[in-house]
């Protein structure tokens, strides 16, 4: 089953949704955050009190091609199609943040 994905431009909204998922018993091993700026991840972890969250940080020193390939490889592991991957990659480079959850019980929650 394909993961549920939701786009954010506001980190605070993302954190609220992570807390909601945690309160509903979603295992943090099923939660992924895809973002361009890895500096946000520390704040997200501190603010949501989750000690272990899977995410795909993208080093700002990477070239555009390296970043693009990194995103593609990670999204493939989550069973996204090539067209979906292309769409998400463009959005990440436009500073969108994605919450990806591999737990079918949360359909309709996000």
PDB file of N, CA and C in Angstrom:
ATOM      1  N   UNK A   1       0.837  -1.175   0.000  1.00  0.00           N
ATOM      2  CA  UNK A   1       0.000   0.000   0.000  1.00  0.00           C
ATOM      3  C   UNK A   1       0.886   1.243   0.000  1.00  0.00           C
ATOM      4  N   UNK A   2       0.519   2.198  -0.836  1.00  0.00           N
ATOM      5  CA  UNK A   2       1.282   3.430  -0.975  1.00  0.00           C
ATOM      6  C   UNK A   2       1.137   4.299   0.284  1.00  0.00           C
ATOM      7  N   UNK A   3       2.219   4.930   0.716  1.00  0.00           N
ATOM      8  CA  UNK A   3       2.151   5.796   1.901  1.00  0.00           C
ATOM      9  C   UNK A   3       1.248   7.015   1.668  1.00  0.00           C
ATOM     10  N   UNK A   4       0.783   7.566   2.758  1.00  0.00           N
ATOM     11  CA  UNK A   4       0.022   8.816   2.727  1.00  0.00           C
ATOM     12  C   UNK A   4       1.035   9.943   2.758  1.00  0.00           C
ATOM     13  N   UNK A   5       0.817  10.960   1.939  1.00  0.00           N
ATOM     14  CA  UNK A   5       1.756  12.081   1.886  1.00  0.00           C
ATOM     15  C   UNK A   5       0.973  13.390   1.963  1.00  0.00           C
ATOM     16  N   UNK A   6       1.531  14.328   2.684  1.00  0.00           N
ATOM     17  CA  UNK A   6       0.905  15.642   2.818  1.00  0.00           C
ATOM     18  C   UNK A   6       1.993  16.701   2.737  1.00  0.00           C
ATOM     19  N   UNK A   7       1.727  17.760   1.974  1.00  0.00           N
ATOM     20  CA  UNK A   7       2.688  18.852   1.792  1.00  0.00           C
ATOM     21  C   UNK A   7       2.407  19.973   2.790  1.00  0.00           C
ATOM     22  N   UNK A   8       3.477  20.607   3.208  1.00  0.00           N
ATOM     23  CA  UNK A   8       3.404  21.725   4.150  1.00  0.00           C
ATOM     24  C   UNK A   8       4.318  22.851   3.680  1.00  0.00           C
ATOM     25  N   UNK A   9       3.957  24.054   4.053  1.00  0.00           N
ATOM     26  CA  UNK A   9       4.866  25.184   3.929  1.00  0.00           C
ATOM     27  C   UNK A   9       5.150  25.744   5.317  1.00  0.00           C
ATOM     28  N   UNK A  10       4.378  25.302   6.282  1.00  0.00           N
ATOM     29  CA  UNK A  10       4.478  25.776   7.647  1.00  0.00           C
ATOM     30  C   UNK A  10       4.925  24.625   8.549  1.00  0.00           C
ATOM     31  N   UNK A  11       6.076  24.764   9.173  1.00  0.00           N
ATOM     32  CA  UNK A  11       6.628  23.720  10.036  1.00  0.00           C
ATOM     33  C   UNK A  11       5.734  23.484  11.248  1.00  0.00           C
ATOM     34  N   UNK A  12       5.111  24.524  11.768  1.00  0.00           N
ATOM     35  CA  UNK A  12       4.235  24.367  12.931  1.00  0.00           C
ATOM     36  C   UNK A  12       3.076  23.416  12.641  1.00  0.00           C
ATOM     37  N   UNK A  13       2.488  23.522  11.464  1.00  0.00           N
ATOM     38  CA  UNK A  13       1.393  22.623  11.083  1.00  0.00           C
ATOM     39  C   UNK A  13       1.897  21.190  10.973  1.00  0.00           C
ATOM     40  N   UNK A  14       3.081  21.021  10.436  1.00  0.00           N
ATOM     41  CA  UNK A  14       3.689  19.697  10.344  1.00  0.00           C
ATOM     42  C   UNK A  14       3.850  19.096  11.730  1.00  0.00           C
ATOM     43  N   UNK A  15       4.358  19.877  12.664  1.00  0.00           N
ATOM     44  CA  UNK A  15       4.574  19.391  14.020  1.00  0.00           C
ATOM     45  C   UNK A  15       3.260  18.989  14.694  1.00  0.00           C
ATOM     46  N   UNK A  16       2.203  19.750  14.471  1.00  0.00           N
ATOM     47  CA  UNK A  16       0.890  19.403  15.032  1.00  0.00           C
ATOM     48  C   UNK A  16       0.443  18.043  14.504  1.00  0.00           C
ATOM     49  N   UNK A  17       0.614  17.817  13.206  1.00  0.00           N
ATOM     50  CA  UNK A  17       0.207  16.543  12.616  1.00  0.00           C
ATOM     51  C   UNK A  17       1.071  15.386  13.124  1.00  0.00           C
ATOM     52  N   UNK A  18       2.369  15.621  13.317  1.00  0.00           N
ATOM     53  CA  UNK A  18       3.236  14.568  13.864  1.00  0.00           C
ATOM     54  C   UNK A  18       2.784  14.206  15.274  1.00  0.00           C
ATOM     55  N   UNK A  19       2.483  15.215  16.085  1.00  0.00           N
ATOM     56  CA  UNK A  19       2.005  14.956  17.451  1.00  0.00           C
ATOM     57  C   UNK A  19       0.697  14.175  17.418  1.00  0.00           C
ATOM     58  N   UNK A  20      -0.202  14.526  16.508  1.00  0.00           N
ATOM     59  CA  UNK A  20      -1.477  13.819  16.373  1.00  0.00           C
ATOM     60  C   UNK A  20      -1.236  12.358  16.019  1.00  0.00           C
ATOM     61  N   UNK A  21      -0.343  12.112  15.067  1.00  0.00           N
ATOM     62  CA  UNK A  21      -0.019  10.740  14.678  1.00  0.00           C
ATOM     63  C   UNK A  21       0.553   9.958  15.851  1.00  0.00           C
ATOM     64  N   UNK A  22       1.444  10.598  16.582  1.00  0.00           N
ATOM     65  CA  UNK A  22       2.049   9.960  17.746  1.00  0.00           C
ATOM     66  C   UNK A  22       0.981   9.615  18.783  1.00  0.00           C
ATOM     67  N   UNK A  23       0.070  10.552  19.036  1.00  0.00           N
ATOM     68  CA  UNK A  23      -1.014  10.321  19.995  1.00  0.00           C
ATOM     69  C   UNK A  23      -1.927   9.180  19.564  1.00  0.00           C
ATOM     70  N   UNK A  24      -2.028   8.964  18.259  1.00  0.00           N
ATOM     71  CA  UNK A  24      -2.880   7.891  17.745  1.00  0.00           C
ATOM     72  C   UNK A  24      -2.137   6.565  17.645  1.00  0.00           C
ATOM     73  N   UNK A  25      -0.901   6.536  18.124  1.00  0.00           N
ATOM     74  CA  UNK A  25      -0.159   5.294  18.195  1.00  0.00           C
ATOM     75  C   UNK A  25       0.593   4.898  16.940  1.00  0.00           C
ATOM     76  N   UNK A  26       0.796   5.838  16.018  1.00  0.00           N
ATOM     77  CA  UNK A  26       1.564   5.534  14.819  1.00  0.00           C
ATOM     78  C   UNK A  26       3.031   5.390  15.205  1.00  0.00           C
ATOM     79  N   UNK A  27       3.637   4.301  14.798  1.00  0.00           N
ATOM     80  CA  UNK A  27       5.036   4.027  15.079  1.00  0.00           C
ATOM     81  C   UNK A  27       5.907   5.032  14.326  1.00  0.00           C
ATOM     82  N   UNK A  28       6.856   5.642  15.020  1.00  0.00           N
ATOM     83  CA  UNK A  28       7.710   6.645  14.385  1.00  0.00           C
ATOM     84  C   UNK A  28       8.550   6.065  13.257  1.00  0.00           C
ATOM     85  N   UNK A  29       8.713   4.758  13.221  1.00  0.00           N
ATOM     86  CA  UNK A  29       9.432   4.126  12.113  1.00  0.00           C
ATOM     87  C   UNK A  29       8.635   4.211  10.809  1.00  0.00           C
ATOM     88  N   UNK A  30       7.374   4.581  10.899  1.00  0.00           N
ATOM     89  CA  UNK A  30       6.518   4.724   9.722  1.00  0.00           C
ATOM     90  C   UNK A  30       6.298   6.181   9.324  1.00  0.00           C
ATOM     91  N   UNK A  31       7.030   7.087   9.968  1.00  0.00           N
ATOM     92  CA  UNK A  31       6.887   8.517   9.697  1.00  0.00           C
ATOM     93  C   UNK A  31       8.178   9.027   9.062  1.00  0.00           C
ATOM     94  N   UNK A  32       8.024   9.712   7.947  1.00  0.00           N
ATOM     95  CA  UNK A  32       9.163  10.276   7.229  1.00  0.00           C
ATOM     96  C   UNK A  32       8.890  11.743   6.949  1.00  0.00           C
ATOM     97  N   UNK A  33       9.932  12.542   7.012  1.00  0.00           N
ATOM     98  CA  UNK A  33       9.823  13.949   6.650  1.00  0.00           C
ATOM     99  C   UNK A  33      10.808  14.186   5.524  1.00  0.00           C
ATOM    100  N   UNK A  34      10.304  14.692   4.430  1.00  0.00           N
ATOM    101  CA  UNK A  34      11.127  15.001   3.266  1.00  0.00           C
ATOM    102  C   UNK A  34      11.221  16.507   3.157  1.00  0.00           C
ATOM    103  N   UNK A  35      12.437  17.025   3.247  1.00  0.00           N
ATOM    104  CA  UNK A  35      12.608  18.468   3.202  1.00  0.00           C
ATOM    105  C   UNK A  35      13.942  18.826   2.595  1.00  0.00           C
ATOM    106  N   UNK A  36      14.035  20.053   2.149  1.00  0.00           N
ATOM    107  CA  UNK A  36      15.258  20.552   1.526  1.00  0.00           C
ATOM    108  C   UNK A  36      16.280  20.978   2.568  1.00  0.00           C
ATOM    109  N   UNK A  37      15.832  21.614   3.622  1.00  0.00           N
ATOM    110  CA  UNK A  37      16.722  22.187   4.619  1.00  0.00           C
ATOM    111  C   UNK A  37      16.766  21.296   5.857  1.00  0.00           C
ATOM    112  N   UNK A  38      17.867  20.592   6.050  1.00  0.00           N
ATOM    113  CA  UNK A  38      17.963  19.652   7.164  1.00  0.00           C
ATOM    114  C   UNK A  38      18.049  20.341   8.531  1.00  0.00           C
ATOM    115  N   UNK A  39      18.251  21.652   8.557  1.00  0.00           N
ATOM    116  CA  UNK A  39      18.289  22.364   9.838  1.00  0.00           C
ATOM    117  C   UNK A  39      16.954  22.296  10.565  1.00  0.00           C
ATOM    118  N   UNK A  40      15.870  22.175   9.825  1.00  0.00           N
ATOM    119  CA  UNK A  40      14.540  22.106  10.442  1.00  0.00           C
ATOM    120  C   UNK A  40      14.329  20.826  11.234  1.00  0.00           C
ATOM    121  N   UNK A  41      15.010  19.751  10.868  1.00  0.00           N
ATOM    122  CA  UNK A  41      14.706  18.457  11.473  1.00  0.00           C
ATOM    123  C   UNK A  41      14.971  18.444  12.972  1.00  0.00           C
ATOM    124  N   UNK A  42      16.016  19.105  13.442  1.00  0.00           N
ATOM    125  CA  UNK A  42      16.290  19.159  14.881  1.00  0.00           C
ATOM    126  C   UNK A  42      15.152  19.833  15.621  1.00  0.00           C
ATOM    127  N   UNK A  43      14.660  20.922  15.074  1.00  0.00           N
ATOM    128  CA  UNK A  43      13.530  21.619  15.699  1.00  0.00           C
ATOM    129  C   UNK A  43      12.282  20.748  15.717  1.00  0.00           C
ATOM    130  N   UNK A  44      12.047  20.033  14.629  1.00  0.00           N
ATOM    131  CA  UNK A  44      10.873  19.164  14.559  1.00  0.00           C
ATOM    132  C   UNK A  44      10.954  18.084  15.638  1.00  0.00           C
ATOM    133  N   UNK A  45      12.117  17.467  15.773  1.00  0.00           N
ATOM    134  CA  UNK A  45      12.291  16.424  16.789  1.00  0.00           C
ATOM    135  C   UNK A  45      12.120  16.998  18.188  1.00  0.00           C
ATOM    136  N   UNK A  46      12.738  18.145  18.463  1.00  0.00           N
ATOM    137  CA  UNK A  46      12.623  18.759  19.790  1.00  0.00           C
ATOM    138  C   UNK A  46      11.193  19.172  20.108  1.00  0.00           C
ATOM    139  N   UNK A  47      10.495  19.727  19.154  1.00  0.00           N
ATOM    140  CA  UNK A  47       9.148  20.231  19.392  1.00  0.00           C
ATOM    141  C   UNK A  47       8.084  19.146  19.456  1.00  0.00           C
ATOM    142  N   UNK A  48       8.325  18.009  18.834  1.00  0.00           N
ATOM    143  CA  UNK A  48       7.328  16.933  18.855  1.00  0.00           C
ATOM    144  C   UNK A  48       7.655  15.873  19.900  1.00  0.00           C
ATOM    145  N   UNK A  49       8.816  15.999  20.534  1.00  0.00           N
ATOM    146  CA  UNK A  49       9.268  15.058  21.565  1.00  0.00           C
ATOM    147  C   UNK A  49       9.396  13.641  21.032  1.00  0.00           C
ATOM    148  N   UNK A  50       9.645  13.519  19.762  1.00  0.00           N
ATOM    149  CA  UNK A  50       9.911  12.222  19.172  1.00  0.00           C
ATOM    150  C   UNK A  50      11.424  12.065  19.152  1.00  0.00           C
ATOM    151  N   UNK A  51      11.894  11.002  19.728  1.00  0.00           N
ATOM    152  CA  UNK A  51      13.344  10.822  19.803  1.00  0.00           C
ATOM    153  C   UNK A  51      13.906  10.161  18.552  1.00  0.00           C
ATOM    154  N   UNK A  52      13.070   9.500  17.810  1.00  0.00           N
ATOM    155  CA  UNK A  52      13.544   8.827  16.606  1.00  0.00           C
ATOM    156  C   UNK A  52      12.552   9.076  15.476  1.00  0.00           C
ATOM    157  N   UNK A  53      12.970   9.814  14.513  1.00  0.00           N
ATOM    158  CA  UNK A  53      12.112  10.069  13.363  1.00  0.00           C
ATOM    159  C   UNK A  53      12.947   9.829  12.108  1.00  0.00           C
ATOM    160  N   UNK A  54      12.384   9.094  11.187  1.00  0.00           N
ATOM    161  CA  UNK A  54      13.097   8.834   9.941  1.00  0.00           C
ATOM    162  C   UNK A  54      12.873  10.012   9.017  1.00  0.00           C
ATOM    163  N   UNK A  55      13.924  10.447   8.390  1.00  0.00           N
ATOM    164  CA  UNK A  55      13.811  11.581   7.486  1.00  0.00           C
ATOM    165  C   UNK A  55      14.915  11.503   6.454  1.00  0.00           C
ATOM    166  N   UNK A  56      14.768  12.310   5.447  1.00  0.00           N
ATOM    167  CA  UNK A  56      15.759  12.347   4.393  1.00  0.00           C
ATOM    168  C   UNK A  56      16.346  13.745   4.304  1.00  0.00           C
ATOM    169  N   UNK A  57      17.357  14.037   5.129  1.00  0.00           N
ATOM    170  CA  UNK A  57      17.959  15.366   5.027  1.00  0.00           C
ATOM    171  C   UNK A  57      18.764  15.479   3.739  1.00  0.00           C
ATOM    172  N   UNK A  58      18.804  16.638   3.225  1.00  0.00           N
ATOM    173  CA  UNK A  58      19.547  16.887   2.001  1.00  0.00           C
ATOM    174  C   UNK A  58      20.604  17.920   2.329  1.00  0.00           C
ATOM    175  N   UNK A  59      21.831  17.534   2.247  1.00  0.00           N
ATOM    176  CA  UNK A  59      22.940  18.415   2.577  1.00  0.00           C
ATOM    177  C   UNK A  59      22.970  19.600   1.617  1.00  0.00           C
ATOM    178  N   UNK A  60      22.980  20.792   2.161  1.00  0.00           N
ATOM    179  CA  UNK A  60      22.948  21.995   1.325  1.00  0.00           C
ATOM    180  C   UNK A  60      24.210  22.153   0.489  1.00  0.00           C
ATOM    181  N   UNK A  61      25.260  21.398   0.798  1.00  0.00           N
ATOM    182  CA  UNK A  61      26.485  21.479   0.008  1.00  0.00           C
ATOM    183  C   UNK A  61      26.437  20.600  -1.241  1.00  0.00           C
ATOM    184  N   UNK A  62      25.423  19.757  -1.337  1.00  0.00           N
ATOM    185  CA  UNK A  62      25.279  18.921  -2.528  1.00  0.00           C
ATOM    186  C   UNK A  62      24.916  19.770  -3.734  1.00  0.00           C
ATOM    187  N   UNK A  63      25.283  19.288  -4.889  1.00  0.00           N
ATOM    188  CA  UNK A  63      24.856  19.956  -6.117  1.00  0.00           C
ATOM    189  C   UNK A  63      23.389  19.646  -6.359  1.00  0.00           C
ATOM    190  N   UNK A  64      22.773  20.396  -7.269  1.00  0.00           N
ATOM    191  CA  UNK A  64      21.372  20.164  -7.597  1.00  0.00           C
ATOM    192  C   UNK A  64      21.155  18.728  -8.047  1.00  0.00           C
ATOM    193  N   UNK A  65      22.039  18.194  -8.867  1.00  0.00           N
ATOM    194  CA  UNK A  65      21.893  16.825  -9.373  1.00  0.00           C
ATOM    195  C   UNK A  65      21.980  15.800  -8.250  1.00  0.00           C
ATOM    196  N   UNK A  66      22.903  15.991  -7.314  1.00  0.00           N
ATOM    197  CA  UNK A  66      23.020  15.069  -6.188  1.00  0.00           C
ATOM    198  C   UNK A  66      21.765  15.092  -5.328  1.00  0.00           C
ATOM    199  N   UNK A  67      21.249  16.266  -5.064  1.00  0.00           N
ATOM    200  CA  UNK A  67      20.024  16.392  -4.270  1.00  0.00           C
ATOM    201  C   UNK A  67      18.868  15.713  -4.973  1.00  0.00           C
ATOM    202  N   UNK A  68      18.751  15.975  -6.242  1.00  0.00           N
ATOM    203  CA  UNK A  68      17.667  15.409  -7.024  1.00  0.00           C
ATOM    204  C   UNK A  68      17.728  13.886  -7.022  1.00  0.00           C
ATOM    205  N   UNK A  69      18.898  13.341  -7.205  1.00  0.00           N
ATOM    206  CA  UNK A  69      19.061  11.882  -7.217  1.00  0.00           C
ATOM    207  C   UNK A  69      18.769  11.287  -5.847  1.00  0.00           C
ATOM    208  N   UNK A  70      19.187  11.965  -4.802  1.00  0.00           N
ATOM    209  CA  UNK A  70      18.957  11.508  -3.434  1.00  0.00           C
ATOM    210  C   UNK A  70      17.457  11.406  -3.150  1.00  0.00           C
ATOM    211  N   UNK A  71      16.711  12.426  -3.512  1.00  0.00           N
ATOM    212  CA  UNK A  71      15.263  12.415  -3.313  1.00  0.00           C
ATOM    213  C   UNK A  71      14.635  11.271  -4.098  1.00  0.00           C
ATOM    214  N   UNK A  72      15.040  11.131  -5.334  1.00  0.00           N
ATOM    215  CA  UNK A  72      14.476  10.089  -6.193  1.00  0.00           C
ATOM    216  C   UNK A  72      14.687   8.703  -5.596  1.00  0.00           C
ATOM    217  N   UNK A  73      15.887   8.411  -5.169  1.00  0.00           N
ATOM    218  CA  UNK A  73      16.195   7.101  -4.601  1.00  0.00           C
ATOM    219  C   UNK A  73      15.372   6.820  -3.345  1.00  0.00           C
ATOM    220  N   UNK A  74      15.247   7.818  -2.492  1.00  0.00           N
ATOM    221  CA  UNK A  74      14.498   7.618  -1.257  1.00  0.00           C
ATOM    222  C   UNK A  74      13.003   7.455  -1.507  1.00  0.00           C
ATOM    223  N   UNK A  75      12.465   8.196  -2.436  1.00  0.00           N
ATOM    224  CA  UNK A  75      11.046   8.047  -2.738  1.00  0.00           C
ATOM    225  C   UNK A  75      10.752   6.719  -3.430  1.00  0.00           C
ATOM    226  N   UNK A  76      11.686   6.218  -4.209  1.00  0.00           N
ATOM    227  CA  UNK A  76      11.503   4.897  -4.837  1.00  0.00           C
ATOM    228  C   UNK A  76      11.368   3.813  -3.772  1.00  0.00           C
ATOM    229  N   UNK A  77      12.132   3.929  -2.690  1.00  0.00           N
ATOM    230  CA  UNK A  77      12.039   2.927  -1.627  1.00  0.00           C
ATOM    231  C   UNK A  77      10.673   2.938  -0.956  1.00  0.00           C
ATOM    232  N   UNK A  78       9.935   4.031  -1.116  1.00  0.00           N
ATOM    233  CA  UNK A  78       8.596   4.145  -0.535  1.00  0.00           C
ATOM    234  C   UNK A  78       7.500   3.854  -1.556  1.00  0.00           C
ATOM    235  N   UNK A  79       7.888   3.285  -2.703  1.00  0.00           N
ATOM    236  CA  UNK A  79       6.944   2.827  -3.741  1.00  0.00           C
ATOM    237  C   UNK A  79       6.212   3.936  -4.484  1.00  0.00           C
ATOM    238  N   UNK A  80       6.844   5.083  -4.650  1.00  0.00           N
ATOM    239  CA  UNK A  80       6.239   6.133  -5.456  1.00  0.00           C
ATOM    240  C   UNK A  80       6.624   5.940  -6.918  1.00  0.00           C
ATOM    241  N   UNK A  81       5.717   6.315  -7.818  1.00  0.00           N
ATOM    242  CA  UNK A  81       5.974   6.197  -9.252  1.00  0.00           C
ATOM    243  C   UNK A  81       6.920   7.299  -9.711  1.00  0.00           C
ATOM    244  N   UNK A  82       7.466   7.135 -10.908  1.00  0.00           N
ATOM    245  CA  UNK A  82       8.385   8.139 -11.477  1.00  0.00           C
ATOM    246  C   UNK A  82       7.707   9.505 -11.585  1.00  0.00           C
ATOM    247  N   UNK A  83       6.458   9.547 -12.031  1.00  0.00           N
ATOM    248  CA  UNK A  83       5.764  10.835 -12.183  1.00  0.00           C
ATOM    249  C   UNK A  83       5.508  11.485 -10.827  1.00  0.00           C
ATOM    250  N   UNK A  84       5.175  10.680  -9.820  1.00  0.00           N
ATOM    251  CA  UNK A  84       4.992  11.226  -8.474  1.00  0.00           C
ATOM    252  C   UNK A  84       6.316  11.756  -7.933  1.00  0.00           C
ATOM    253  N   UNK A  85       7.367  11.006  -8.156  1.00  0.00           N
ATOM    254  CA  UNK A  85       8.692  11.414  -7.686  1.00  0.00           C
ATOM    255  C   UNK A  85       9.092  12.748  -8.311  1.00  0.00           C
ATOM    256  N   UNK A  86       8.891  12.893  -9.605  1.00  0.00           N
ATOM    257  CA  UNK A  86       9.226  14.153 -10.279  1.00  0.00           C
ATOM    258  C   UNK A  86       8.457  15.322  -9.682  1.00  0.00           C
ATOM    259  N   UNK A  87       7.199  15.110  -9.388  1.00  0.00           N
ATOM    260  CA  UNK A  87       6.356  16.168  -8.808  1.00  0.00           C
ATOM    261  C   UNK A  87       6.853  16.545  -7.405  1.00  0.00           C
ATOM    262  N   UNK A  88       7.137  15.547  -6.576  1.00  0.00           N
ATOM    263  CA  UNK A  88       7.602  15.822  -5.215  1.00  0.00           C
ATOM    264  C   UNK A  88       8.971  16.487  -5.220  1.00  0.00           C
ATOM    265  N   UNK A  89       9.848  16.051  -6.105  1.00  0.00           N
ATOM    266  CA  UNK A  89      11.185  16.662  -6.181  1.00  0.00           C
ATOM    267  C   UNK A  89      11.084  18.143  -6.499  1.00  0.00           C
ATOM    268  N   UNK A  90      10.265  18.499  -7.461  1.00  0.00           N
ATOM    269  CA  UNK A  90      10.098  19.921  -7.803  1.00  0.00           C
ATOM    270  C   UNK A  90       9.576  20.706  -6.614  1.00  0.00           C
ATOM    271  N   UNK A  91       8.610  20.131  -5.919  1.00  0.00           N
ATOM    272  CA  UNK A  91       8.010  20.821  -4.778  1.00  0.00           C
ATOM    273  C   UNK A  91       9.000  21.008  -3.640  1.00  0.00           C
ATOM    274  N   UNK A  92       9.851  20.010  -3.392  1.00  0.00           N
ATOM    275  CA  UNK A  92      10.853  20.127  -2.333  1.00  0.00           C
ATOM    276  C   UNK A  92      11.805  21.276  -2.646  1.00  0.00           C
ATOM    277  N   UNK A  93      12.179  21.410  -3.895  1.00  0.00           N
ATOM    278  CA  UNK A  93      13.090  22.487  -4.260  1.00  0.00           C
ATOM    279  C   UNK A  93      12.400  23.853  -4.266  1.00  0.00           C
ATOM    280  N   UNK A  94      11.057  23.844  -4.138  1.00  0.00           N
ATOM    281  CA  UNK A  94      10.302  25.082  -3.955  1.00  0.00           C
ATOM    282  C   UNK A  94       9.997  25.288  -2.472  1.00  0.00           C
ATOM    283  N   UNK A  95      10.775  24.607  -1.620  1.00  0.00           N
ATOM    284  CA  UNK A  95      10.720  24.728  -0.160  1.00  0.00           C
ATOM    285  C   UNK A  95       9.467  24.153   0.487  1.00  0.00           C
ATOM    286  N   UNK A  96       8.817  23.212  -0.150  1.00  0.00           N
ATOM    287  CA  UNK A  96       7.724  22.501   0.506  1.00  0.00           C
ATOM    288  C   UNK A  96       8.327  21.392   1.349  1.00  0.00           C
ATOM    289  N   UNK A  97       7.618  21.040   2.401  1.00  0.00           N
ATOM    290  CA  UNK A  97       8.013  19.963   3.296  1.00  0.00           C
ATOM    291  C   UNK A  97       6.933  18.892   3.187  1.00  0.00           C
ATOM    292  N   UNK A  98       7.338  17.635   3.129  1.00  0.00           N
ATOM    293  CA  UNK A  98       6.380  16.551   3.014  1.00  0.00           C
ATOM    294  C   UNK A  98       6.437  15.642   4.223  1.00  0.00           C
ATOM    295  N   UNK A  99       5.257  15.325   4.731  1.00  0.00           N
ATOM    296  CA  UNK A  99       5.104  14.311   5.757  1.00  0.00           C
ATOM    297  C   UNK A  99       4.627  13.064   5.035  1.00  0.00           C
ATOM    298  N   UNK A 100       5.368  11.982   5.178  1.00  0.00           N
ATOM    299  CA  UNK A 100       5.048  10.721   4.522  1.00  0.00           C
ATOM    300  C   UNK A 100       4.839   9.690   5.622  1.00  0.00           C
ATOM    301  N   UNK A 101       3.684   9.022   5.580  1.00  0.00           N
ATOM    302  CA  UNK A 101       3.354   8.064   6.633  1.00  0.00           C
ATOM    303  C   UNK A 101       2.991   6.721   6.019  1.00  0.00           C
ATOM    304  N   UNK A 102       3.700   5.691   6.449  1.00  0.00           N
ATOM    305  CA  UNK A 102       3.447   4.336   5.967  1.00  0.00           C
ATOM    306  C   UNK A 102       2.597   3.577   6.986  1.00  0.00           C
ATOM    307  N   UNK A 103       1.396   4.059   7.228  1.00  0.00           N
ATOM    308  CA  UNK A 103       0.458   3.393   8.138  1.00  0.00           C
ATOM    309  C   UNK A 103      -0.944   3.683   7.602  1.00  0.00           C
ATOM    310  N   UNK A 104      -1.577   2.658   7.039  1.00  0.00           N
ATOM    311  CA  UNK A 104      -2.864   2.850   6.381  1.00  0.00           C
ATOM    312  C   UNK A 104      -3.953   3.318   7.329  1.00  0.00           C
ATOM    313  N   UNK A 105      -3.785   3.150   8.633  1.00  0.00           N
ATOM    314  CA  UNK A 105      -4.812   3.562   9.589  1.00  0.00           C
ATOM    315  C   UNK A 105      -5.006   5.079   9.620  1.00  0.00           C
ATOM    316  N   UNK A 106      -4.078   5.843   9.095  1.00  0.00           N
ATOM    317  CA  UNK A 106      -4.185   7.299   9.199  1.00  0.00           C
ATOM    318  C   UNK A 106      -4.890   7.931   8.004  1.00  0.00           C
ATOM    319  N   UNK A 107      -5.332   7.124   7.041  1.00  0.00           N
ATOM    320  CA  UNK A 107      -6.069   7.688   5.901  1.00  0.00           C
ATOM    321  C   UNK A 107      -7.258   8.476   6.455  1.00  0.00           C
ATOM    322  N   UNK A 108      -7.413   9.700   5.966  1.00  0.00           N
ATOM    323  CA  UNK A 108      -8.485  10.563   6.432  1.00  0.00           C
ATOM    324  C   UNK A 108      -8.090  11.432   7.620  1.00  0.00           C
ATOM    325  N   UNK A 109      -7.007  11.087   8.299  1.00  0.00           N
ATOM    326  CA  UNK A 109      -6.538  11.890   9.435  1.00  0.00           C
ATOM    327  C   UNK A 109      -5.742  13.082   8.930  1.00  0.00           C
ATOM    328  N   UNK A 110      -4.914  12.853   7.911  1.00  0.00           N
ATOM    329  CA  UNK A 110      -4.102  13.930   7.336  1.00  0.00           C
ATOM    330  C   UNK A 110      -4.823  14.564   6.179  1.00  0.00           C
TER     331      UNK A 110
END
